[in-house]
PDB file of N, CA and C in Angstrom:
ATOM      1  N   ASP A   1     -24.028  28.814  15.353  1.00  0.00           N
ATOM      2  CA  ASP A   1     -23.811  29.616  14.853  1.00  0.00           C
ATOM      3  C   ASP A   1     -24.059  30.509  16.224  1.00  0.00           C
ATOM      4  N   VAL A   2     -22.581  30.821  16.323  1.00  0.00           N
ATOM      5  CA  VAL A   2     -22.063  31.282  18.298  1.00  0.00           C
ATOM      6  C   VAL A   2     -22.650  33.126  18.366  1.00  0.00           C
ATOM      7  N   ARG A   3     -23.366  33.880  18.794  1.00  0.00           N
ATOM      8  CA  ARG A   3     -23.339  35.188  18.925  1.00  0.00           C
ATOM      9  C   ARG A   3     -22.355  35.647  20.115  1.00  0.00           C
ATOM     10  N   ARG A   4     -22.197  36.794  19.901  1.00  0.00           N
ATOM     11  CA  ARG A   4     -20.814  36.904  20.589  1.00  0.00           C
ATOM     12  C   ARG A   4     -22.207  38.397  21.889  1.00  0.00           C
ATOM     13  N   ALA A   5     -21.742  38.290  22.840  1.00  0.00           N
ATOM     14  CA  ALA A   5     -22.498  39.016  24.155  1.00  0.00           C
ATOM     15  C   ALA A   5     -21.774  40.517  23.647  1.00  0.00           C
ATOM     16  N   LYS A   6     -22.738  42.212  23.477  1.00  0.00           N
ATOM     17  CA  LYS A   6     -22.268  43.133  23.975  1.00  0.00           C
ATOM     18  C   LYS A   6     -20.907  43.316  24.622  1.00  0.00           C
ATOM     19  N   SER A   7     -20.572  43.138  24.437  1.00  0.00           N
ATOM     20  CA  SER A   7     -19.215  44.217  25.555  1.00  0.00           C
ATOM     21  C   SER A   7     -19.362  45.320  26.571  1.00  0.00           C
ATOM     22  N   ASN A   8     -20.878  46.841  25.911  1.00  0.00           N
ATOM     23  CA  ASN A   8     -21.356  47.061  27.075  1.00  0.00           C
ATOM     24  C   ASN A   8     -22.533  46.549  27.275  1.00  0.00           C
ATOM     25  N   ALA A   9     -22.438  45.667  27.845  1.00  0.00           N
ATOM     26  CA  ALA A   9     -23.934  45.170  28.876  1.00  0.00           C
ATOM     27  C   ALA A   9     -23.923  45.971  29.936  1.00  0.00           C
ATOM     28  N   SER A  10     -22.439  46.074  30.878  1.00  0.00           N
ATOM     29  CA  SER A  10     -22.526  46.415  32.489  1.00  0.00           C
ATOM     30  C   SER A  10     -22.707  47.542  32.602  1.00  0.00           C
ATOM     31  N   CYS A  11     -22.399  48.524  31.151  1.00  0.00           N
ATOM     32  CA  CYS A  11     -22.261  49.935  30.457  1.00  0.00           C
ATOM     33  C   CYS A  11     -23.217  50.694  30.128  1.00  0.00           C
ATOM     34  N   PRO A  12     -24.501  50.583  30.301  1.00  0.00           N
ATOM     35  CA  PRO A  12     -25.494  51.352  28.968  1.00  0.00           C
ATOM     36  C   PRO A  12     -24.813  52.563  28.836  1.00  0.00           C
ATOM     37  N   ALA A  13     -25.733  52.927  27.398  1.00  0.00           N
ATOM     38  CA  ALA A  13     -25.591  54.382  26.951  1.00  0.00           C
ATOM     39  C   ALA A  13     -26.279  55.267  27.763  1.00  0.00           C
ATOM     40  N   PRO A  14     -25.851  56.587  28.422  1.00  0.00           N
ATOM     41  CA  PRO A  14     -26.375  57.077  29.217  1.00  0.00           C
ATOM     42  C   PRO A  14     -27.779  58.332  28.080  1.00  0.00           C
ATOM     43  N   GLU A  15     -29.419  57.834  28.365  1.00  0.00           N
ATOM     44  CA  GLU A  15     -30.392  57.589  28.414  1.00  0.00           C
ATOM     45  C   GLU A  15     -30.108  59.736  28.033  1.00  0.00           C
ATOM     46  N   LYS A  16     -30.585  60.093  26.894  1.00  0.00           N
ATOM     47  CA  LYS A  16     -30.679  61.594  26.246  1.00  0.00           C
ATOM     48  C   LYS A  16     -31.355  62.742  27.268  1.00  0.00           C
ATOM     49  N   LYS A  17     -32.704  61.978  27.280  1.00  0.00           N
ATOM     50  CA  LYS A  17     -33.462  63.644  28.115  1.00  0.00           C
ATOM     51  C   LYS A  17     -32.953  63.279  29.773  1.00  0.00           C
ATOM     52  N   LYS A  18     -32.784  63.614  30.331  1.00  0.00           N
ATOM     53  CA  LYS A  18     -33.249  63.246  32.234  1.00  0.00           C
ATOM     54  C   LYS A  18     -33.752  64.153  33.223  1.00  0.00           C
ATOM     55  N   THR A  19     -35.082  63.782  33.626  1.00  0.00           N
ATOM     56  CA  THR A  19     -36.134  64.181  34.574  1.00  0.00           C
ATOM     57  C   THR A  19     -35.420  64.382  36.174  1.00  0.00           C
ATOM     58  N   LYS A  20     -34.975  63.563  36.302  1.00  0.00           N
ATOM     59  CA  LYS A  20     -33.982  63.864  37.599  1.00  0.00           C
ATOM     60  C   LYS A  20     -32.477  64.080  37.315  1.00  0.00           C
ATOM     61  N   PRO A  21     -32.323  65.419  38.641  1.00  0.00           N
ATOM     62  CA  PRO A  21     -30.257  64.845  38.049  1.00  0.00           C
ATOM     63  C   PRO A  21     -29.773  64.071  39.194  1.00  0.00           C
ATOM     64  N   MET A  22     -28.621  63.636  38.169  1.00  0.00           N
ATOM     65  CA  MET A  22     -28.441  62.146  39.152  1.00  0.00           C
ATOM     66  C   MET A  22     -27.344  62.642  39.458  1.00  0.00           C
ATOM     67  N   LYS A  23     -26.741  61.421  40.484  1.00  0.00           N
ATOM     68  CA  LYS A  23     -25.680  61.296  41.667  1.00  0.00           C
ATOM     69  C   LYS A  23     -24.861  61.306  41.393  1.00  0.00           C
ATOM     70  N   PRO A  24     -23.921  62.075  41.315  1.00  0.00           N
ATOM     71  CA  PRO A  24     -22.307  61.508  40.343  1.00  0.00           C
ATOM     72  C   PRO A  24     -21.587  59.964  41.066  1.00  0.00           C
ATOM     73  N   ALA A  25     -21.494  59.711  39.856  1.00  0.00           N
ATOM     74  CA  ALA A  25     -21.519  58.089  39.894  1.00  0.00           C
ATOM     75  C   ALA A  25     -19.593  58.039  40.444  1.00  0.00           C
ATOM     76  N   LYS A  26     -19.792  56.816  41.371  1.00  0.00           N
ATOM     77  CA  LYS A  26     -18.428  56.450  41.926  1.00  0.00           C
ATOM     78  C   LYS A  26     -17.870  55.792  41.350  1.00  0.00           C
ATOM     79  N   SER A  27     -16.528  55.874  41.675  1.00  0.00           N
ATOM     80  CA  SER A  27     -15.836  54.764  39.949  1.00  0.00           C
ATOM     81  C   SER A  27     -15.708  53.674  40.623  1.00  0.00           C
ATOM     82  N   GLU A  28     -15.434  52.706  42.426  1.00  0.00           N
ATOM     83  CA  GLU A  28     -15.674  51.145  42.397  1.00  0.00           C
ATOM     84  C   GLU A  28     -17.700  50.449  42.134  1.00  0.00           C
ATOM     85  N   GLY A  29     -18.544  51.436  42.240  1.00  0.00           N
ATOM     86  CA  GLY A  29     -19.727  50.838  42.104  1.00  0.00           C
ATOM     87  C   GLY A  29     -20.695  51.332  40.162  1.00  0.00           C
ATOM     88  N   ASN A  30     -19.191  52.417  39.335  1.00  0.00           N
ATOM     89  CA  ASN A  30     -19.821  52.627  38.067  1.00  0.00           C
ATOM     90  C   ASN A  30     -18.671  51.965  37.474  1.00  0.00           C
ATOM     91  N   PRO A  31     -18.531  50.370  35.891  1.00  0.00           N
ATOM     92  CA  PRO A  31     -17.571  50.708  35.642  1.00  0.00           C
ATOM     93  C   PRO A  31     -17.336  51.424  33.865  1.00  0.00           C
ATOM     94  N   CYS A  32     -18.708  52.622  34.058  1.00  0.00           N
ATOM     95  CA  CYS A  32     -18.521  53.152  32.955  1.00  0.00           C
ATOM     96  C   CYS A  32     -17.920  54.615  33.573  1.00  0.00           C
ATOM     97  N   SER A  33     -18.105  55.388  34.960  1.00  0.00           N
ATOM     98  CA  SER A  33     -16.758  55.842  35.150  1.00  0.00           C
ATOM     99  C   SER A  33     -15.113  55.453  35.851  1.00  0.00           C
ATOM    100  N   ALA A  34     -15.695  54.850  35.907  1.00  0.00           N
ATOM    101  CA  ALA A  34     -14.207  53.935  36.717  1.00  0.00           C
ATOM    102  C   ALA A  34     -12.932  53.923  35.219  1.00  0.00           C
ATOM    103  N   VAL A  35     -13.997  53.796  33.490  1.00  0.00           N
ATOM    104  CA  VAL A  35     -13.164  53.512  32.171  1.00  0.00           C
ATOM    105  C   VAL A  35     -13.377  55.131  32.010  1.00  0.00           C
ATOM    106  N   TYR A  36     -14.177  55.802  32.288  1.00  0.00           N
ATOM    107  CA  TYR A  36     -13.775  57.498  31.553  1.00  0.00           C
ATOM    108  C   TYR A  36     -12.502  57.708  32.174  1.00  0.00           C
ATOM    109  N   ARG A  37     -12.623  57.718  33.343  1.00  0.00           N
ATOM    110  CA  ARG A  37     -11.771  58.379  33.720  1.00  0.00           C
ATOM    111  C   ARG A  37      -9.728  57.636  33.622  1.00  0.00           C
ATOM    112  N   ARG A  38      -9.568  56.491  32.882  1.00  0.00           N
ATOM    113  CA  ARG A  38      -8.764  56.364  32.623  1.00  0.00           C
ATOM    114  C   ARG A  38      -8.126  56.805  30.956  1.00  0.00           C
ATOM    115  N   PRO A  39      -6.789  56.555  30.918  1.00  0.00           N
ATOM    116  CA  PRO A  39      -6.463  57.312  30.073  1.00  0.00           C
ATOM    117  C   PRO A  39      -6.642  56.610  28.495  1.00  0.00           C
ATOM    118  N   TYR A  40      -6.928  57.355  27.755  1.00  0.00           N
ATOM    119  CA  TYR A  40      -8.072  57.111  26.814  1.00  0.00           C
ATOM    120  C   TYR A  40      -6.887  56.049  25.595  1.00  0.00           C
ATOM    121  N   ARG A  41      -5.574  56.092  25.666  1.00  0.00           N
ATOM    122  CA  ARG A  41      -4.797  55.232  24.702  1.00  0.00           C
ATOM    123  C   ARG A  41      -4.998  53.480  25.551  1.00  0.00           C
ATOM    124  N   ASP A  42      -4.999  53.193  26.495  1.00  0.00           N
ATOM    125  CA  ASP A  42      -5.509  52.688  27.090  1.00  0.00           C
ATOM    126  C   ASP A  42      -6.935  51.732  26.800  1.00  0.00           C
ATOM    127  N   ARG A  43      -7.720  52.978  27.074  1.00  0.00           N
ATOM    128  CA  ARG A  43      -9.208  52.036  26.727  1.00  0.00           C
ATOM    129  C   ARG A  43      -9.359  51.646  25.454  1.00  0.00           C
ATOM    130  N   VAL A  44      -8.614  52.196  24.641  1.00  0.00           N
ATOM    131  CA  VAL A  44      -7.936  51.548  22.838  1.00  0.00           C
ATOM    132  C   VAL A  44      -7.758  50.251  23.280  1.00  0.00           C
ATOM    133  N   ILE A  45      -7.157  50.293  23.786  1.00  0.00           N
ATOM    134  CA  ILE A  45      -5.398  48.887  23.808  1.00  0.00           C
ATOM    135  C   ILE A  45      -6.882  48.073  24.768  1.00  0.00           C
ATOM    136  N   HIS A  46      -7.606  48.207  25.382  1.00  0.00           N
ATOM    137  CA  HIS A  46      -8.268  46.607  26.416  1.00  0.00           C
ATOM    138  C   HIS A  46      -9.820  46.516  24.884  1.00  0.00           C
ATOM    139  N   LEU A  47      -9.747  47.402  24.602  1.00  0.00           N
ATOM    140  CA  LEU A  47     -11.286  47.339  23.122  1.00  0.00           C
ATOM    141  C   LEU A  47     -10.415  46.020  22.654  1.00  0.00           C
ATOM    142  N   LEU A  48      -9.639  47.013  21.877  1.00  0.00           N
ATOM    143  CA  LEU A  48      -8.892  45.835  20.546  1.00  0.00           C
ATOM    144  C   LEU A  48      -8.579  44.483  20.788  1.00  0.00           C
ATOM    145  N   ALA A  49      -7.641  44.235  22.094  1.00  0.00           N
ATOM    146  CA  ALA A  49      -7.531  43.249  23.109  1.00  0.00           C
ATOM    147  C   ALA A  49      -8.970  41.756  22.483  1.00  0.00           C
ATOM    148  N   LEU A  50      -9.970  43.018  22.662  1.00  0.00           N
ATOM    149  CA  LEU A  50     -10.978  41.957  22.825  1.00  0.00           C
ATOM    150  C   LEU A  50     -12.110  41.153  21.404  1.00  0.00           C
ATOM    151  N   ARG A  51     -11.787  42.275  20.209  1.00  0.00           N
ATOM    152  CA  ARG A  51     -12.045  41.911  19.228  1.00  0.00           C
ATOM    153  C   ARG A  51     -11.014  42.926  17.880  1.00  0.00           C
ATOM    154  N   ILE A  52     -11.627  42.936  16.829  1.00  0.00           N
ATOM    155  CA  ILE A  52     -11.550  43.418  15.770  1.00  0.00           C
ATOM    156  C   ILE A  52     -12.475  44.926  15.395  1.00  0.00           C
ATOM    157  N   TYR A  53     -12.414  45.562  14.945  1.00  0.00           N
ATOM    158  CA  TYR A  53     -12.891  46.880  14.744  1.00  0.00           C
ATOM    159  C   TYR A  53     -11.858  48.007  13.857  1.00  0.00           C
ATOM    160  N   LYS A  54     -13.386  48.581  13.076  1.00  0.00           N
ATOM    161  CA  LYS A  54     -13.324  49.125  12.496  1.00  0.00           C
ATOM    162  C   LYS A  54     -13.257  50.536  13.162  1.00  0.00           C
ATOM    163  N   LYS A  55     -13.139  52.044  12.118  1.00  0.00           N
ATOM    164  CA  LYS A  55     -12.924  52.926  13.529  1.00  0.00           C
ATOM    165  C   LYS A  55     -13.826  54.078  13.640  1.00  0.00           C
ATOM    166  N   PRO A  56     -15.145  54.135  12.881  1.00  0.00           N
ATOM    167  CA  PRO A  56     -16.335  54.380  13.244  1.00  0.00           C
ATOM    168  C   PRO A  56     -16.786  53.761  14.613  1.00  0.00           C
ATOM    169  N   GLU A  57     -17.006  52.614  13.944  1.00  0.00           N
ATOM    170  CA  GLU A  57     -17.532  51.032  15.795  1.00  0.00           C
ATOM    171  C   GLU A  57     -16.701  51.325  16.530  1.00  0.00           C
ATOM    172  N   LEU A  58     -15.660  51.463  16.443  1.00  0.00           N
ATOM    173  CA  LEU A  58     -14.773  51.845  18.047  1.00  0.00           C
ATOM    174  C   LEU A  58     -15.036  53.166  18.378  1.00  0.00           C
ATOM    175  N   LEU A  59     -15.648  54.105  18.006  1.00  0.00           N
ATOM    176  CA  LEU A  59     -15.702  55.725  18.242  1.00  0.00           C
ATOM    177  C   LEU A  59     -16.601  55.961  19.197  1.00  0.00           C
ATOM    178  N   ALA A  60     -17.995  54.668  18.006  1.00  0.00           N
ATOM    179  CA  ALA A  60     -18.581  54.986  18.768  1.00  0.00           C
ATOM    180  C   ALA A  60     -18.616  53.709  20.541  1.00  0.00           C
ATOM    181  N   ARG A  61     -18.542  52.906  20.211  1.00  0.00           N
ATOM    182  CA  ARG A  61     -18.207  52.487  21.606  1.00  0.00           C
ATOM    183  C   ARG A  61     -17.171  53.611  22.703  1.00  0.00           C
ATOM    184  N   LEU A  62     -16.220  53.364  22.359  1.00  0.00           N
ATOM    185  CA  LEU A  62     -15.404  54.898  22.809  1.00  0.00           C
ATOM    186  C   LEU A  62     -15.943  55.895  23.896  1.00  0.00           C
ATOM    187  N   GLN A  63     -17.036  56.709  22.586  1.00  0.00           N
ATOM    188  CA  GLN A  63     -18.589  57.408  22.873  1.00  0.00           C
ATOM    189  C   GLN A  63     -19.038  57.223  23.671  1.00  0.00           C
ATOM    190  N   ARG A  64     -19.620  55.306  24.045  1.00  0.00           N
ATOM    191  CA  ARG A  64     -20.828  55.563  24.903  1.00  0.00           C
ATOM    192  C   ARG A  64     -20.008  55.996  26.619  1.00  0.00           C
ATOM    193  N   ASP A  65     -18.817  55.508  26.743  1.00  0.00           N
ATOM    194  CA  ASP A  65     -18.588  55.253  27.917  1.00  0.00           C
ATOM    195  C   ASP A  65     -17.780  57.267  28.458  1.00  0.00           C
ATOM    196  N   GLY A  66     -18.002  57.187  27.506  1.00  0.00           N
ATOM    197  CA  GLY A  66     -17.682  59.359  27.447  1.00  0.00           C
ATOM    198  C   GLY A  66     -16.400  59.460  27.013  1.00  0.00           C
ATOM    199  N   VAL A  67     -15.827  60.696  26.191  1.00  0.00           N
ATOM    200  CA  VAL A  67     -13.808  60.701  25.832  1.00  0.00           C
ATOM    201  C   VAL A  67     -14.275  62.477  26.407  1.00  0.00           C
ATOM    202  N   MET A  68     -12.822  62.468  26.983  1.00  0.00           N
ATOM    203  CA  MET A  68     -12.898  63.735  27.292  1.00  0.00           C
ATOM    204  C   MET A  68     -11.951  64.617  26.074  1.00  0.00           C
ATOM    205  N   GLN A  69     -12.485  66.082  27.216  1.00  0.00           N
ATOM    206  CA  GLN A  69     -12.355  66.962  25.325  1.00  0.00           C
ATOM    207  C   GLN A  69     -11.116  66.953  25.095  1.00  0.00           C
ATOM    208  N   LYS A  70     -10.014  66.583  25.914  1.00  0.00           N
ATOM    209  CA  LYS A  70      -8.345  66.580  25.213  1.00  0.00           C
ATOM    210  C   LYS A  70      -8.796  65.347  24.049  1.00  0.00           C
ATOM    211  N   ASP A  71      -9.380  64.665  24.692  1.00  0.00           N
ATOM    212  CA  ASP A  71      -9.480  63.064  23.722  1.00  0.00           C
ATOM    213  C   ASP A  71      -9.577  62.932  22.294  1.00  0.00           C
ATOM    214  N   LYS A  72     -10.151  63.765  21.720  1.00  0.00           N
ATOM    215  CA  LYS A  72     -10.951  63.899  21.286  1.00  0.00           C
ATOM    216  C   LYS A  72      -9.977  64.853  20.047  1.00  0.00           C
ATOM    217  N   GLY A  73     -10.195  62.962  18.770  1.00  0.00           N
ATOM    218  CA  GLY A  73      -9.695  63.985  17.595  1.00  0.00           C
ATOM    219  C   GLY A  73      -7.973  63.371  17.795  1.00  0.00           C
ATOM    220  N   THR A  74      -8.148  62.627  18.957  1.00  0.00           N
ATOM    221  CA  THR A  74      -6.777  61.860  19.069  1.00  0.00           C
ATOM    222  C   THR A  74      -6.896  60.141  18.846  1.00  0.00           C
ATOM    223  N   LEU A  75      -8.348  59.277  18.331  1.00  0.00           N
ATOM    224  CA  LEU A  75      -7.895  58.122  18.765  1.00  0.00           C
ATOM    225  C   LEU A  75      -7.379  57.811  16.856  1.00  0.00           C
ATOM    226  N   GLY A  76      -7.086  58.549  15.998  1.00  0.00           N
ATOM    227  CA  GLY A  76      -6.325  58.144  15.077  1.00  0.00           C
ATOM    228  C   GLY A  76      -4.733  58.128  14.833  1.00  0.00           C
ATOM    229  N   LYS A  77      -3.946  58.692  15.326  1.00  0.00           N
ATOM    230  CA  LYS A  77      -2.644  58.798  16.090  1.00  0.00           C
ATOM    231  C   LYS A  77      -2.438  57.592  16.840  1.00  0.00           C
ATOM    232  N   ILE A  78      -3.864  57.237  18.211  1.00  0.00           N
ATOM    233  CA  ILE A  78      -3.141  56.359  19.272  1.00  0.00           C
ATOM    234  C   ILE A  78      -3.644  55.026  18.501  1.00  0.00           C
ATOM    235  N   LEU A  79      -4.387  54.533  17.188  1.00  0.00           N
ATOM    236  CA  LEU A  79      -4.333  53.114  16.960  1.00  0.00           C
ATOM    237  C   LEU A  79      -2.990  52.776  15.381  1.00  0.00           C
ATOM    238  N   GLN A  80      -2.559  54.464  14.928  1.00  0.00           N
ATOM    239  CA  GLN A  80      -1.272  53.596  14.654  1.00  0.00           C
ATOM    240  C   GLN A  80      -0.480  53.285  15.586  1.00  0.00           C
ATOM    241  N   GLN A  81       0.062  53.864  16.959  1.00  0.00           N
ATOM    242  CA  GLN A  81       0.854  52.936  17.653  1.00  0.00           C
ATOM    243  C   GLN A  81       0.222  52.116  18.463  1.00  0.00           C
ATOM    244  N   VAL A  82      -0.965  51.733  18.298  1.00  0.00           N
ATOM    245  CA  VAL A  82      -1.198  50.560  19.570  1.00  0.00           C
ATOM    246  C   VAL A  82      -2.329  49.307  18.407  1.00  0.00           C
ATOM    247  N   ALA A  83      -2.221  49.784  17.015  1.00  0.00           N
ATOM    248  CA  ALA A  83      -2.970  48.836  15.988  1.00  0.00           C
ATOM    249  C   ALA A  83      -2.039  48.433  15.004  1.00  0.00           C
ATOM    250  N   LYS A  84      -2.620  47.344  14.162  1.00  0.00           N
ATOM    251  CA  LYS A  84      -2.550  47.320  12.992  1.00  0.00           C
ATOM    252  C   LYS A  84      -3.566  47.245  12.561  1.00  0.00           C
ATOM    253  N   TRP A  85      -3.185  48.126  10.833  1.00  0.00           N
ATOM    254  CA  TRP A  85      -4.535  47.430  10.456  1.00  0.00           C
ATOM    255  C   TRP A  85      -5.000  46.867   8.906  1.00  0.00           C
ATOM    256  N   ASN A  86      -5.713  46.757   8.661  1.00  0.00           N
ATOM    257  CA  ASN A  86      -5.873  45.857   7.492  1.00  0.00           C
ATOM    258  C   ASN A  86      -6.921  46.687   6.865  1.00  0.00           C
ATOM    259  N   PRO A  87      -6.293  46.548   5.657  1.00  0.00           N
ATOM    260  CA  PRO A  87      -6.371  47.149   4.466  1.00  0.00           C
ATOM    261  C   PRO A  87      -8.130  46.889   3.905  1.00  0.00           C
ATOM    262  N   LYS A  88      -7.673  45.421   3.974  1.00  0.00           N
ATOM    263  CA  LYS A  88      -8.539  45.234   3.262  1.00  0.00           C
ATOM    264  C   LYS A  88     -10.298  44.877   3.349  1.00  0.00           C
ATOM    265  N   ASP A  89     -10.757  45.481   4.881  1.00  0.00           N
ATOM    266  CA  ASP A  89     -11.783  45.385   5.067  1.00  0.00           C
ATOM    267  C   ASP A  89     -11.877  46.841   5.906  1.00  0.00           C
ATOM    268  N   ASN A  90     -10.569  47.336   6.179  1.00  0.00           N
ATOM    269  CA  ASN A  90     -10.386  48.657   7.263  1.00  0.00           C
ATOM    270  C   ASN A  90     -10.420  48.744   8.189  1.00  0.00           C
ATOM    271  N   SER A  91      -9.828  47.513   8.779  1.00  0.00           N
ATOM    272  CA  SER A  91     -10.390  47.008  10.969  1.00  0.00           C
ATOM    273  C   SER A  91      -8.935  47.065  11.141  1.00  0.00           C
ATOM    274  N   PHE A  92      -8.834  47.143  12.522  1.00  0.00           N
ATOM    275  CA  PHE A  92      -8.008  47.306  13.696  1.00  0.00           C
ATOM    276  C   PHE A  92      -7.589  46.553  13.832  1.00  0.00           C
ATOM    277  N   SER A  93      -6.647  45.616  14.257  1.00  0.00           N
ATOM    278  CA  SER A  93      -6.420  44.662  15.256  1.00  0.00           C
ATOM    279  C   SER A  93      -5.471  45.369  16.480  1.00  0.00           C
ATOM    280  N   LEU A  94      -5.123  44.646  17.304  1.00  0.00           N
ATOM    281  CA  LEU A  94      -4.393  45.283  19.071  1.00  0.00           C
ATOM    282  C   LEU A  94      -3.079  44.770  18.876  1.00  0.00           C
ATOM    283  N   LYS A  95      -1.994  45.190  18.166  1.00  0.00           N
ATOM    284  CA  LYS A  95      -0.841  44.797  17.799  1.00  0.00           C
ATOM    285  C   LYS A  95      -0.533  43.816  19.141  1.00  0.00           C
ATOM    286  N   GLU A  96       0.452  42.554  18.711  1.00  0.00           N
ATOM    287  CA  GLU A  96       0.776  41.374  19.459  1.00  0.00           C
ATOM    288  C   GLU A  96       1.690  41.895  21.144  1.00  0.00           C
ATOM    289  N   HIS A  97       2.308  42.577  20.349  1.00  0.00           N
ATOM    290  CA  HIS A  97       3.348  42.587  21.775  1.00  0.00           C
ATOM    291  C   HIS A  97       2.541  43.833  22.847  1.00  0.00           C
ATOM    292  N   LEU A  98       1.250  44.472  22.930  1.00  0.00           N
ATOM    293  CA  LEU A  98       0.680  44.667  23.843  1.00  0.00           C
ATOM    294  C   LEU A  98      -0.255  43.729  24.647  1.00  0.00           C
ATOM    295  N   PHE A  99      -0.314  43.144  24.008  1.00  0.00           N
ATOM    296  CA  PHE A  99      -1.471  41.963  24.784  1.00  0.00           C
ATOM    297  C   PHE A  99      -0.994  41.743  26.026  1.00  0.00           C
ATOM    298  N   GLN A 100       1.020  41.557  26.214  1.00  0.00           N
ATOM    299  CA  GLN A 100       1.076  41.319  27.562  1.00  0.00           C
ATOM    300  C   GLN A 100       1.113  41.986  28.673  1.00  0.00           C
ATOM    301  N   THR A 101       0.395  43.471  28.060  1.00  0.00           N
ATOM    302  CA  THR A 101       0.604  44.878  28.999  1.00  0.00           C
ATOM    303  C   THR A 101      -1.248  44.940  29.477  1.00  0.00           C
ATOM    304  N   LEU A 102      -2.563  43.909  29.247  1.00  0.00           N
ATOM    305  CA  LEU A 102      -3.288  43.732  29.480  1.00  0.00           C
ATOM    306  C   LEU A 102      -3.875  44.065  31.017  1.00  0.00           C
ATOM    307  N   GLN A 103      -4.942  44.702  31.169  1.00  0.00           N
ATOM    308  CA  GLN A 103      -5.517  44.591  33.046  1.00  0.00           C
ATOM    309  C   GLN A 103      -6.412  43.352  32.317  1.00  0.00           C
ATOM    310  N   THR A 104      -6.244  42.622  33.615  1.00  0.00           N
ATOM    311  CA  THR A 104      -7.657  41.176  32.755  1.00  0.00           C
ATOM    312  C   THR A 104      -8.684  42.107  33.824  1.00  0.00           C
ATOM    313  N   ASP A 105      -8.694  42.330  34.651  1.00  0.00           N
ATOM    314  CA  ASP A 105      -9.141  43.251  36.356  1.00  0.00           C
ATOM    315  C   ASP A 105      -9.803  44.951  35.408  1.00  0.00           C
ATOM    316  N   TRP A 106      -9.794  45.141  33.897  1.00  0.00           N
ATOM    317  CA  TRP A 106     -10.445  46.001  33.406  1.00  0.00           C
ATOM    318  C   TRP A 106     -11.385  47.003  33.880  1.00  0.00           C
ATOM    319  N   PRO A 107     -11.904  47.582  34.327  1.00  0.00           N
ATOM    320  CA  PRO A 107     -12.905  48.448  34.816  1.00  0.00           C
ATOM    321  C   PRO A 107     -14.231  47.814  33.494  1.00  0.00           C
ATOM    322  N   GLY A 108     -14.019  48.635  32.353  1.00  0.00           N
ATOM    323  CA  GLY A 108     -14.969  48.298  31.429  1.00  0.00           C
ATOM    324  C   GLY A 108     -14.881  46.580  30.927  1.00  0.00           C
ATOM    325  N   TYR A 109     -14.551  45.737  31.523  1.00  0.00           N
ATOM    326  CA  TYR A 109     -15.094  44.520  30.931  1.00  0.00           C
ATOM    327  C   TYR A 109     -16.004  44.020  32.089  1.00  0.00           C
ATOM    328  N   THR A 110     -16.749  43.415  31.318  1.00  0.00           N
ATOM    329  CA  THR A 110     -17.969  42.113  31.428  1.00  0.00           C
ATOM    330  C   THR A 110     -17.311  40.808  32.258  1.00  0.00           C
ATOM    331  N   GLU A 111     -18.332  39.962  33.014  1.00  0.00           N
ATOM    332  CA  GLU A 111     -17.055  39.045  33.051  1.00  0.00           C
ATOM    333  C   GLU A 111     -17.017  38.279  31.880  1.00  0.00           C
ATOM    334  N   ILE A 112     -17.813  38.511  31.152  1.00  0.00           N
ATOM    335  CA  ILE A 112     -17.881  36.972  29.800  1.00  0.00           C
ATOM    336  C   ILE A 112     -16.484  38.495  29.556  1.00  0.00           C
ATOM    337  N   ASP A 113     -16.393  39.125  29.005  1.00  0.00           N
ATOM    338  CA  ASP A 113     -15.107  39.806  28.475  1.00  0.00           C
ATOM    339  C   ASP A 113     -14.534  39.174  29.027  1.00  0.00           C
ATOM    340  N   LYS A 114     -13.750  39.175  30.541  1.00  0.00           N
ATOM    341  CA  LYS A 114     -12.612  38.575  30.815  1.00  0.00           C
ATOM    342  C   LYS A 114     -12.714  37.049  30.684  1.00  0.00           C
ATOM    343  N   GLN A 115     -13.323  36.318  30.289  1.00  0.00           N
ATOM    344  CA  GLN A 115     -13.060  34.883  30.376  1.00  0.00           C
ATOM    345  C   GLN A 115     -12.349  34.931  28.638  1.00  0.00           C
ATOM    346  N   ASN A 116     -13.142  35.334  27.756  1.00  0.00           N
ATOM    347  CA  ASN A 116     -12.920  35.908  27.059  1.00  0.00           C
ATOM    348  C   ASN A 116     -11.121  36.025  26.251  1.00  0.00           C
ATOM    349  N   LEU A 117     -10.966  37.141  27.156  1.00  0.00           N
ATOM    350  CA  LEU A 117      -9.612  37.913  27.358  1.00  0.00           C
ATOM    351  C   LEU A 117      -8.995  36.967  27.846  1.00  0.00           C
ATOM    352  N   LYS A 118      -9.739  35.558  28.675  1.00  0.00           N
ATOM    353  CA  LYS A 118      -8.012  34.830  28.922  1.00  0.00           C
ATOM    354  C   LYS A 118      -7.297  33.875  28.247  1.00  0.00           C
ATOM    355  N   LEU A 119      -9.156  33.610  27.627  1.00  0.00           N
ATOM    356  CA  LEU A 119      -9.321  32.573  26.552  1.00  0.00           C
ATOM    357  C   LEU A 119      -7.514  33.248  25.510  1.00  0.00           C
ATOM    358  N   ILE A 120      -8.122  34.309  24.577  1.00  0.00           N
ATOM    359  CA  ILE A 120      -7.040  35.017  24.186  1.00  0.00           C
ATOM    360  C   ILE A 120      -5.872  35.034  24.723  1.00  0.00           C
ATOM    361  N   LEU A 121      -5.809  34.910  26.067  1.00  0.00           N
ATOM    362  CA  LEU A 121      -4.215  35.519  26.152  1.00  0.00           C
ATOM    363  C   LEU A 121      -4.059  34.387  26.663  1.00  0.00           C
ATOM    364  N   SER A 122      -4.104  32.483  26.591  1.00  0.00           N
ATOM    365  CA  SER A 122      -4.251  31.328  26.734  1.00  0.00           C
ATOM    366  C   SER A 122      -3.141  30.937  25.195  1.00  0.00           C
ATOM    367  N   ARG A 123      -3.655  31.705  24.306  1.00  0.00           N
ATOM    368  CA  ARG A 123      -2.923  31.162  22.930  1.00  0.00           C
ATOM    369  C   ARG A 123      -1.573  31.295  22.378  1.00  0.00           C
TER     370      ARG A 123
END
């Protein structure tokens, strides 16, 4: 039985309560902020490259890193462009031709994610 490591291990969800003001995150040191600044479409592509998602879990994963106001409500449109829909389980996987456009050094990827992506791309 092989268990997958959580892909957000290096990027924990922000806590609700804050007792001290946080310092602004630098994109080099904080993968969450680096991913937040990337185009929403690219974020969706790079998540779908690692595994199949259902829309609610993909949305939840994207929200953990933060969603800009202008991107809210655009996930359905982006999925139509970049994903194949499986009606049997209502899941989405990345369209084959988009695997060529992936950045293996995507800032949201953990080392495990990068290794998994190399395996996926070698097939």
